[in-house]
N, C-alpha and C. Protein backbone atom coordinates (compact mmCIF):
# COMPACT_ATOMS: atom_id res chain seq x y z
N MET A 1 131.48 198.51 96.93
CA MET A 1 133.04 197.38 96.52
C MET A 1 132.14 196.16 96.72
N ALA A 2 133.58 194.84 96.78
CA ALA A 2 132.75 193.29 97.50
C ALA A 2 133.48 193.24 98.85
N LYS A 3 131.96 192.43 99.54
CA LYS A 3 132.50 191.83 100.74
C LYS A 3 133.24 190.90 101.01
N ILE A 4 133.85 190.86 101.75
CA ILE A 4 135.02 189.85 102.53
C ILE A 4 134.28 188.98 103.15
N HIS A 5 134.05 187.59 102.86
CA HIS A 5 133.80 186.75 103.81
C HIS A 5 134.98 185.42 103.81
N ALA A 6 134.80 185.20 105.42
CA ALA A 6 135.87 183.03 105.33
C ALA A 6 134.14 182.77 105.84
N TYR A 7 135.67 181.67 104.58
CA TYR A 7 134.66 180.17 104.26
C TYR A 7 136.01 179.01 104.88
N LEU A 8 135.20 177.90 105.86
CA LEU A 8 135.53 177.19 106.53
C LEU A 8 135.92 175.85 106.09
N ASN A 9 135.90 174.63 106.00
CA ASN A 9 136.72 173.23 105.18
C ASN A 9 136.64 172.77 106.22
N PHE A 10 136.27 171.60 106.73
CA PHE A 10 135.85 171.13 107.37
C PHE A 10 136.39 168.95 107.74
N ASN A 11 136.52 168.28 107.88
CA ASN A 11 136.55 166.45 108.03
C ASN A 11 135.61 166.16 108.61
N GLY A 12 134.53 166.38 108.41
CA GLY A 12 133.36 166.02 109.33
C GLY A 12 132.29 166.26 110.98
N ASN A 13 133.69 167.27 110.68
CA ASN A 13 132.50 168.47 112.58
C ASN A 13 132.36 170.06 111.18
N CYS A 14 131.97 169.59 110.31
CA CYS A 14 131.89 171.40 110.79
C CYS A 14 130.44 171.65 111.19
N GLU A 15 129.19 170.68 111.33
CA GLU A 15 128.21 170.49 112.06
C GLU A 15 128.14 171.24 113.67
N GLU A 16 129.24 170.22 114.22
CA GLU A 16 129.56 170.48 116.00
C GLU A 16 130.75 172.12 115.85
N ALA A 17 130.95 172.42 114.32
CA ALA A 17 131.84 173.68 114.83
C ALA A 17 131.16 174.86 114.80
N PHE A 18 130.51 174.66 114.24
CA PHE A 18 128.58 176.50 113.30
C PHE A 18 128.45 175.76 114.88
N ARG A 19 128.28 174.57 115.41
CA ARG A 19 127.69 174.95 116.97
C ARG A 19 128.09 176.21 118.54
N PHE A 20 129.14 175.66 117.87
CA PHE A 20 130.21 176.54 118.72
C PHE A 20 129.76 178.00 118.70
N TYR A 21 130.53 178.29 117.00
CA TYR A 21 130.22 178.65 116.28
C TYR A 21 128.56 180.39 116.83
N GLU A 22 128.07 179.72 116.93
CA GLU A 22 126.65 179.58 117.32
C GLU A 22 126.71 180.58 118.64
N LYS A 23 127.22 179.53 118.94
CA LYS A 23 127.12 180.49 120.82
C LYS A 23 128.30 181.06 120.50
N VAL A 24 128.95 181.59 120.45
CA VAL A 24 130.32 182.50 120.28
C VAL A 24 129.93 183.78 119.75
N PHE A 25 128.59 183.64 119.03
CA PHE A 25 129.26 184.83 118.12
C PHE A 25 127.45 185.43 118.41
N LYS A 26 126.86 184.62 119.47
CA LYS A 26 125.99 184.60 119.77
C LYS A 26 124.59 185.39 118.47
N THR A 27 124.66 184.15 117.88
CA THR A 27 123.85 184.81 116.08
C THR A 27 123.50 183.18 115.49
N SER A 28 122.42 182.39 114.45
CA SER A 28 121.55 181.34 113.78
C SER A 28 122.40 181.64 112.95
N THR A 29 122.47 180.19 112.75
CA THR A 29 122.65 179.47 111.12
C THR A 29 121.80 180.76 110.67
N ILE A 30 121.95 181.27 109.23
CA ILE A 30 120.89 181.44 107.93
C ILE A 30 120.99 179.93 106.92
N GLY A 31 120.72 179.06 106.73
CA GLY A 31 120.71 177.45 106.53
C GLY A 31 121.44 177.42 105.92
N THR A 32 121.50 175.57 106.38
CA THR A 32 121.83 174.29 106.26
C THR A 32 122.11 173.52 105.18
N HIS A 33 122.53 172.99 104.17
CA HIS A 33 122.64 171.85 103.34
C HIS A 33 123.03 171.11 102.82
N ARG A 34 122.63 169.46 103.76
CA ARG A 34 124.00 168.71 103.49
C ARG A 34 124.27 168.15 102.23
N PHE A 35 125.70 167.11 102.20
CA PHE A 35 125.74 166.42 101.16
C PHE A 35 124.64 165.03 100.09
N GLY A 36 123.49 164.17 101.30
CA GLY A 36 122.10 163.89 100.60
C GLY A 36 121.72 165.13 99.69
N ASP A 37 121.51 166.62 100.54
CA ASP A 37 120.34 167.02 100.04
C ASP A 37 120.70 167.47 97.48
N ILE A 38 122.24 166.89 97.11
CA ILE A 38 122.26 166.46 96.38
C ILE A 38 121.67 165.69 95.21
N PRO A 39 120.99 166.32 94.29
CA PRO A 39 120.81 165.02 93.31
C PRO A 39 121.64 163.61 93.23
N GLU A 40 120.48 162.11 93.75
CA GLU A 40 122.37 161.41 93.41
C GLU A 40 122.75 161.71 91.88
N ASP A 41 123.40 160.73 91.46
CA ASP A 41 125.32 160.73 90.84
C ASP A 41 126.03 159.38 90.81
N PRO A 42 125.37 158.55 89.89
CA PRO A 42 125.53 157.41 90.45
C PRO A 42 127.65 156.83 89.99
N ASN A 43 128.39 158.69 89.01
CA ASN A 43 129.64 158.82 88.60
C ASN A 43 130.17 159.28 90.73
N TYR A 44 129.36 159.42 91.30
CA TYR A 44 129.84 160.67 92.77
C TYR A 44 128.40 159.35 93.76
N PRO A 45 129.00 157.80 94.09
CA PRO A 45 128.03 157.62 94.66
C PRO A 45 128.82 157.76 95.80
N MET A 46 127.76 157.99 97.42
CA MET A 46 127.78 158.43 98.34
C MET A 46 127.53 157.58 99.54
N THR A 47 128.25 157.40 100.58
CA THR A 47 127.74 156.65 101.53
C THR A 47 126.99 157.38 102.58
N ALA A 48 126.00 156.11 103.54
CA ALA A 48 125.20 157.40 104.46
C ALA A 48 126.15 158.35 105.76
N THR A 49 126.88 157.91 105.65
CA THR A 49 127.52 158.87 106.24
C THR A 49 128.10 160.27 106.17
N ASP A 50 128.84 160.57 104.44
CA ASP A 50 128.34 161.42 103.88
C ASP A 50 127.55 162.17 103.63
N LYS A 51 126.48 161.44 103.79
CA LYS A 51 124.95 161.79 103.30
C LYS A 51 125.45 163.06 103.84
N GLU A 52 125.73 162.26 104.89
CA GLU A 52 125.32 164.11 106.72
C GLU A 52 125.67 165.11 106.87
N LYS A 53 126.68 164.40 105.87
CA LYS A 53 127.52 166.07 106.46
C LYS A 53 127.18 166.67 105.14
N ILE A 54 127.90 168.23 106.16
CA ILE A 54 127.13 169.73 105.89
C ILE A 54 128.54 169.96 104.49
N MET A 55 126.78 170.52 103.59
CA MET A 55 127.44 171.45 102.74
C MET A 55 128.36 172.28 101.90
N HIS A 56 126.50 172.92 102.93
CA HIS A 56 126.79 174.80 103.15
C HIS A 56 126.01 175.23 104.22
N THR A 57 127.17 175.52 105.18
CA THR A 57 126.15 176.42 106.05
C THR A 57 126.79 177.63 106.70
N ALA A 58 126.00 178.96 107.29
CA ALA A 58 126.59 179.99 107.38
C ALA A 58 126.00 180.57 108.22
N ILE A 59 127.00 181.60 109.34
CA ILE A 59 126.03 182.46 109.95
C ILE A 59 126.39 184.11 109.73
N MET A 60 125.63 184.89 110.75
CA MET A 60 125.70 185.71 110.55
C MET A 60 127.02 186.22 111.53
N LEU A 61 127.83 187.07 111.54
CA LEU A 61 129.29 187.82 112.59
C LEU A 61 128.69 189.05 112.75
N ASN A 62 127.45 190.24 111.54
CA ASN A 62 127.36 191.50 111.96
C ASN A 62 126.95 191.79 110.22
N GLU A 63 126.32 192.35 110.04
CA GLU A 63 125.24 192.64 108.65
C GLU A 63 126.61 192.46 108.14
N GLN A 64 127.69 192.59 107.16
CA GLN A 64 128.31 192.80 107.13
C GLN A 64 129.46 191.21 105.99
N THR A 65 129.49 190.88 107.84
CA THR A 65 130.24 189.02 107.77
C THR A 65 130.03 188.53 107.93
N MET A 66 129.60 187.52 106.66
CA MET A 66 129.25 185.85 107.10
C MET A 66 130.61 184.72 107.11
N LEU A 67 130.32 183.51 108.05
CA LEU A 67 131.36 183.32 108.24
C LEU A 67 130.24 181.67 107.64
N MET A 68 130.78 181.12 107.21
CA MET A 68 130.68 180.27 105.61
C MET A 68 131.27 178.45 106.25
N GLY A 69 130.82 178.00 105.46
CA GLY A 69 131.66 176.16 106.04
C GLY A 69 131.02 174.93 105.61
N SER A 70 132.03 174.20 105.65
CA SER A 70 131.50 172.62 104.68
C SER A 70 132.18 171.75 105.38
N ASP A 71 131.75 171.07 105.26
CA ASP A 71 132.78 169.42 105.18
C ASP A 71 133.84 169.32 103.88
N CYS A 72 134.42 168.01 103.73
CA CYS A 72 135.37 167.41 103.00
C CYS A 72 134.51 166.05 103.09
N ILE A 73 135.01 166.01 101.48
CA ILE A 73 134.04 164.32 101.30
C ILE A 73 135.45 163.49 100.52
N GLU A 74 136.12 162.48 100.80
CA GLU A 74 137.79 162.26 100.57
C GLU A 74 137.29 161.82 99.02
N GLY A 75 136.02 160.86 99.42
CA GLY A 75 135.63 160.58 97.92
C GLY A 75 135.77 161.31 97.20
N PHE A 76 135.46 162.34 97.49
CA PHE A 76 135.34 163.38 96.00
C PHE A 76 136.94 164.14 95.78
N GLY A 77 138.23 163.96 96.12
CA GLY A 77 139.02 164.12 96.40
C GLY A 77 139.13 165.54 96.90
N HIS A 78 139.21 165.35 97.88
CA HIS A 78 138.57 166.98 99.06
C HIS A 78 139.22 166.38 100.42
N LYS A 79 139.90 167.09 100.64
CA LYS A 79 139.41 166.88 102.28
C LYS A 79 140.55 168.00 102.87
N ALA A 80 140.36 168.61 104.05
CA ALA A 80 140.67 169.77 104.51
C ALA A 80 141.68 168.99 105.29
N THR A 81 142.84 169.87 105.29
CA THR A 81 144.67 170.29 106.02
C THR A 81 144.86 171.44 106.57
N PRO A 82 144.00 171.25 107.95
CA PRO A 82 144.40 173.17 108.99
C PRO A 82 145.99 173.06 108.92
N GLY A 83 145.99 174.58 108.36
CA GLY A 83 147.34 174.92 108.94
C GLY A 83 147.71 176.16 109.32
N ASN A 84 148.59 177.06 109.00
CA ASN A 84 148.42 178.47 109.36
C ASN A 84 148.51 179.49 108.56
N SER A 85 148.33 179.29 107.36
CA SER A 85 148.55 179.95 105.96
C SER A 85 147.26 181.09 105.80
N THR A 86 146.37 180.53 106.90
CA THR A 86 144.78 181.71 106.49
C THR A 86 144.92 181.83 108.34
N TYR A 87 144.16 183.18 108.30
CA TYR A 87 143.90 183.49 109.71
C TYR A 87 142.26 184.37 109.06
N ILE A 88 141.72 183.97 110.67
CA ILE A 88 140.52 184.47 111.01
C ILE A 88 141.55 186.09 111.51
N MET A 89 140.42 187.82 111.26
CA MET A 89 140.16 188.34 112.02
C MET A 89 139.27 189.13 112.15
N LEU A 90 139.60 188.97 113.30
CA LEU A 90 138.12 189.85 114.34
C LEU A 90 138.59 190.96 114.68
N ASP A 91 139.01 192.07 114.12
CA ASP A 91 139.36 193.50 115.01
C ASP A 91 137.85 194.03 115.29
N THR A 92 137.58 194.55 116.66
CA THR A 92 137.02 194.72 117.69
C THR A 92 136.77 196.26 117.78
N ALA A 93 135.68 195.95 118.74
CA ALA A 93 135.02 197.78 118.42
C ALA A 93 135.85 198.26 120.01
N THR A 94 135.63 197.23 120.83
CA THR A 94 135.50 197.47 122.33
C THR A 94 137.02 195.98 123.25
N ALA A 95 137.36 196.79 124.43
CA ALA A 95 138.48 195.48 124.67
C ALA A 95 137.66 194.59 125.49
N ALA A 96 135.88 195.35 125.94
CA ALA A 96 135.43 193.97 125.89
C ALA A 96 134.94 192.84 125.34
N GLU A 97 134.93 193.50 124.05
CA GLU A 97 134.53 192.52 123.79
C GLU A 97 135.48 191.90 122.51
N ALA A 98 136.60 191.97 122.32
CA ALA A 98 137.97 190.59 122.13
C ALA A 98 137.52 191.12 123.46
N HIS A 99 138.15 190.26 124.74
CA HIS A 99 137.91 189.18 125.63
C HIS A 99 137.26 188.53 125.49
N GLU A 100 135.64 188.94 125.39
CA GLU A 100 134.86 188.59 125.52
C GLU A 100 134.53 187.06 124.47
N LEU A 101 135.16 187.42 123.16
CA LEU A 101 135.27 186.53 122.26
C LEU A 101 136.74 185.50 122.39
N TYR A 102 137.57 185.66 123.41
CA TYR A 102 139.42 185.55 123.12
C TYR A 102 138.76 184.47 123.98
N ALA A 103 137.69 184.87 125.05
CA ALA A 103 137.17 183.50 126.13
C ALA A 103 136.53 182.91 126.11
N ALA A 104 135.63 182.97 124.62
CA ALA A 104 134.19 181.99 124.64
C ALA A 104 135.56 181.70 123.17
N LEU A 105 136.30 181.88 122.38
CA LEU A 105 136.55 180.84 121.04
C LEU A 105 138.49 180.08 121.18
N THR A 106 138.56 180.45 122.62
CA THR A 106 139.87 180.31 123.51
C THR A 106 139.43 178.62 123.90
N GLU A 107 138.36 178.50 124.50
CA GLU A 107 138.00 177.08 125.08
C GLU A 107 138.19 175.72 124.24
N GLY A 108 139.12 175.29 124.49
CA GLY A 108 139.87 173.91 123.82
C GLY A 108 141.02 173.90 123.30
N ALA A 109 141.27 175.94 123.04
CA ALA A 109 142.17 175.21 121.50
C ALA A 109 142.91 174.81 121.45
N LEU A 110 143.79 174.53 120.90
CA LEU A 110 144.36 173.30 120.90
C LEU A 110 145.96 174.59 119.90
N ASN A 111 146.75 175.29 119.97
CA ASN A 111 147.02 175.80 120.13
C ASN A 111 146.98 177.91 120.68
N ILE A 112 147.79 178.06 121.62
CA ILE A 112 147.45 179.67 122.04
C ILE A 112 148.99 179.93 121.81
N GLU A 113 149.03 180.74 120.19
CA GLU A 113 150.22 181.38 119.91
C GLU A 113 150.14 182.63 120.14
N MET A 114 149.41 183.65 120.95
CA MET A 114 149.55 184.39 121.46
C MET A 114 148.49 184.86 122.29
N GLU A 115 148.54 184.57 123.52
CA GLU A 115 148.03 184.92 124.20
C GLU A 115 147.11 186.96 124.79
N LEU A 116 145.80 186.42 125.04
CA LEU A 116 145.73 188.08 124.92
C LEU A 116 146.54 188.65 125.53
N GLY A 117 147.12 190.25 124.79
CA GLY A 117 147.77 191.20 125.60
C GLY A 117 147.95 192.90 124.96
N GLU A 118 148.90 193.18 125.38
CA GLU A 118 149.21 194.71 124.76
C GLU A 118 150.07 194.27 124.50
N GLN A 119 150.14 195.23 122.94
CA GLN A 119 151.00 195.22 121.55
C GLN A 119 151.53 196.41 121.99
N PHE A 120 152.82 196.92 121.23
CA PHE A 120 153.22 198.17 120.15
C PHE A 120 152.12 199.30 119.33
N TRP A 121 151.31 197.75 119.18
CA TRP A 121 150.84 198.39 117.88
C TRP A 121 149.06 198.13 117.60
N ALA A 122 148.74 197.39 119.19
CA ALA A 122 146.61 196.90 119.98
C ALA A 122 147.53 197.44 120.90
N GLU A 123 145.95 198.04 121.30
CA GLU A 123 145.72 198.23 122.99
C GLU A 123 146.13 196.35 123.50
N LEU A 124 144.98 195.88 122.47
CA LEU A 124 144.68 194.18 122.88
C LEU A 124 144.93 193.34 121.31
N TYR A 125 145.92 192.12 121.46
CA TYR A 125 146.24 190.93 120.61
C TYR A 125 146.04 189.98 121.37
N ALA A 126 145.36 189.36 119.90
CA ALA A 126 145.95 187.90 120.69
C ALA A 126 146.62 186.34 119.34
N SER A 127 146.60 185.82 118.80
CA SER A 127 146.02 184.79 117.93
C SER A 127 146.25 183.26 119.22
N PHE A 128 145.49 182.18 118.21
CA PHE A 128 145.31 180.83 118.44
C PHE A 128 144.81 180.19 117.23
N GLN A 129 144.13 179.00 117.65
CA GLN A 129 144.13 178.09 117.32
C GLN A 129 142.80 176.95 117.65
N ASP A 130 141.78 177.49 116.92
CA ASP A 130 140.83 177.28 118.08
C ASP A 130 140.58 175.47 117.61
N LYS A 131 139.34 175.35 119.14
CA LYS A 131 139.59 173.99 119.09
C LYS A 131 139.37 172.05 117.49
N PHE A 132 139.37 173.30 116.83
CA PHE A 132 139.10 172.92 115.37
C PHE A 132 139.60 172.74 114.12
N GLY A 133 140.48 173.14 115.25
CA GLY A 133 142.57 173.31 114.04
C GLY A 133 141.99 175.38 113.20
N ILE A 134 140.55 176.35 113.11
CA ILE A 134 141.12 177.36 112.34
C ILE A 134 141.52 178.05 113.46
N TRP A 135 143.32 178.46 112.81
CA TRP A 135 143.22 180.03 113.39
C TRP A 135 142.89 181.30 113.25
N TRP A 136 143.04 182.50 114.19
CA TRP A 136 142.21 183.58 115.06
C TRP A 136 142.92 184.27 115.22
N MET A 137 143.22 185.18 114.92
CA MET A 137 143.48 187.05 115.90
C MET A 137 142.46 188.09 115.73
N ILE A 138 142.72 188.26 117.80
CA ILE A 138 142.34 189.55 117.27
C ILE A 138 142.05 190.66 118.00
N HIS A 139 141.92 191.65 117.41
CA HIS A 139 142.37 192.72 118.00
C HIS A 139 142.19 193.82 118.30
N PHE A 140 142.14 194.80 119.25
CA PHE A 140 141.12 195.89 119.53
C PHE A 140 142.44 196.66 119.68
N GLU A 141 142.53 197.93 117.68
CA GLU A 141 143.39 198.59 117.92
C GLU A 141 143.65 200.10 119.56
N GLY A 142 142.20 200.45 119.67
CA GLY A 142 142.12 200.98 120.90
C GLY A 142 143.18 202.94 120.51
N ASN A 143 143.77 203.69 122.00
CA ASN A 143 144.63 204.01 121.82
C ASN A 143 145.89 204.10 120.24
N LYS A 144 145.99 202.72 120.03
CA LYS A 144 147.44 202.90 119.65
C LYS A 144 147.26 202.72 117.88
N LYS A 145 146.80 203.27 116.91
CA LYS A 145 146.07 203.99 115.92
C LYS A 145 147.37 204.32 115.14
N MET A 146 147.83 203.59 114.04
CA MET A 146 148.89 204.09 113.52
C MET A 146 149.16 205.51 112.80
N GLN A 147 150.03 205.91 112.50
CA GLN A 147 150.84 207.32 112.08
C GLN A 147 150.70 207.36 110.63
């Protein structure tokens, strides 16, 4: 069966975001390529600033799940437009893990849609937009198993 990983796009702050996510998830990057690593092509000139932007980076959240990201280069016709059509859902093993992730990821949050709390479907649930515009859900089912 295929694994599902989340891939996030940013408008120039991918490196800052992934430093934050490394801290939140207590892990380190498994590798980073910058746009300046691409062989130069006269058909696609890049500014010095664009060459420093992140072409691809990744961290492992656990043995099965990777969070990856990239900056968008407008000169290449690519721009990130944050919206709430996609969320990253973190299904936690314990209530303590849910509280820890919520506290870390909501630091400077742009929007708290639902604060972490009990719902009829979960002992703990939250949804919010972090300071980088990424939408997250945190879920701890606990004793509220679906029938």
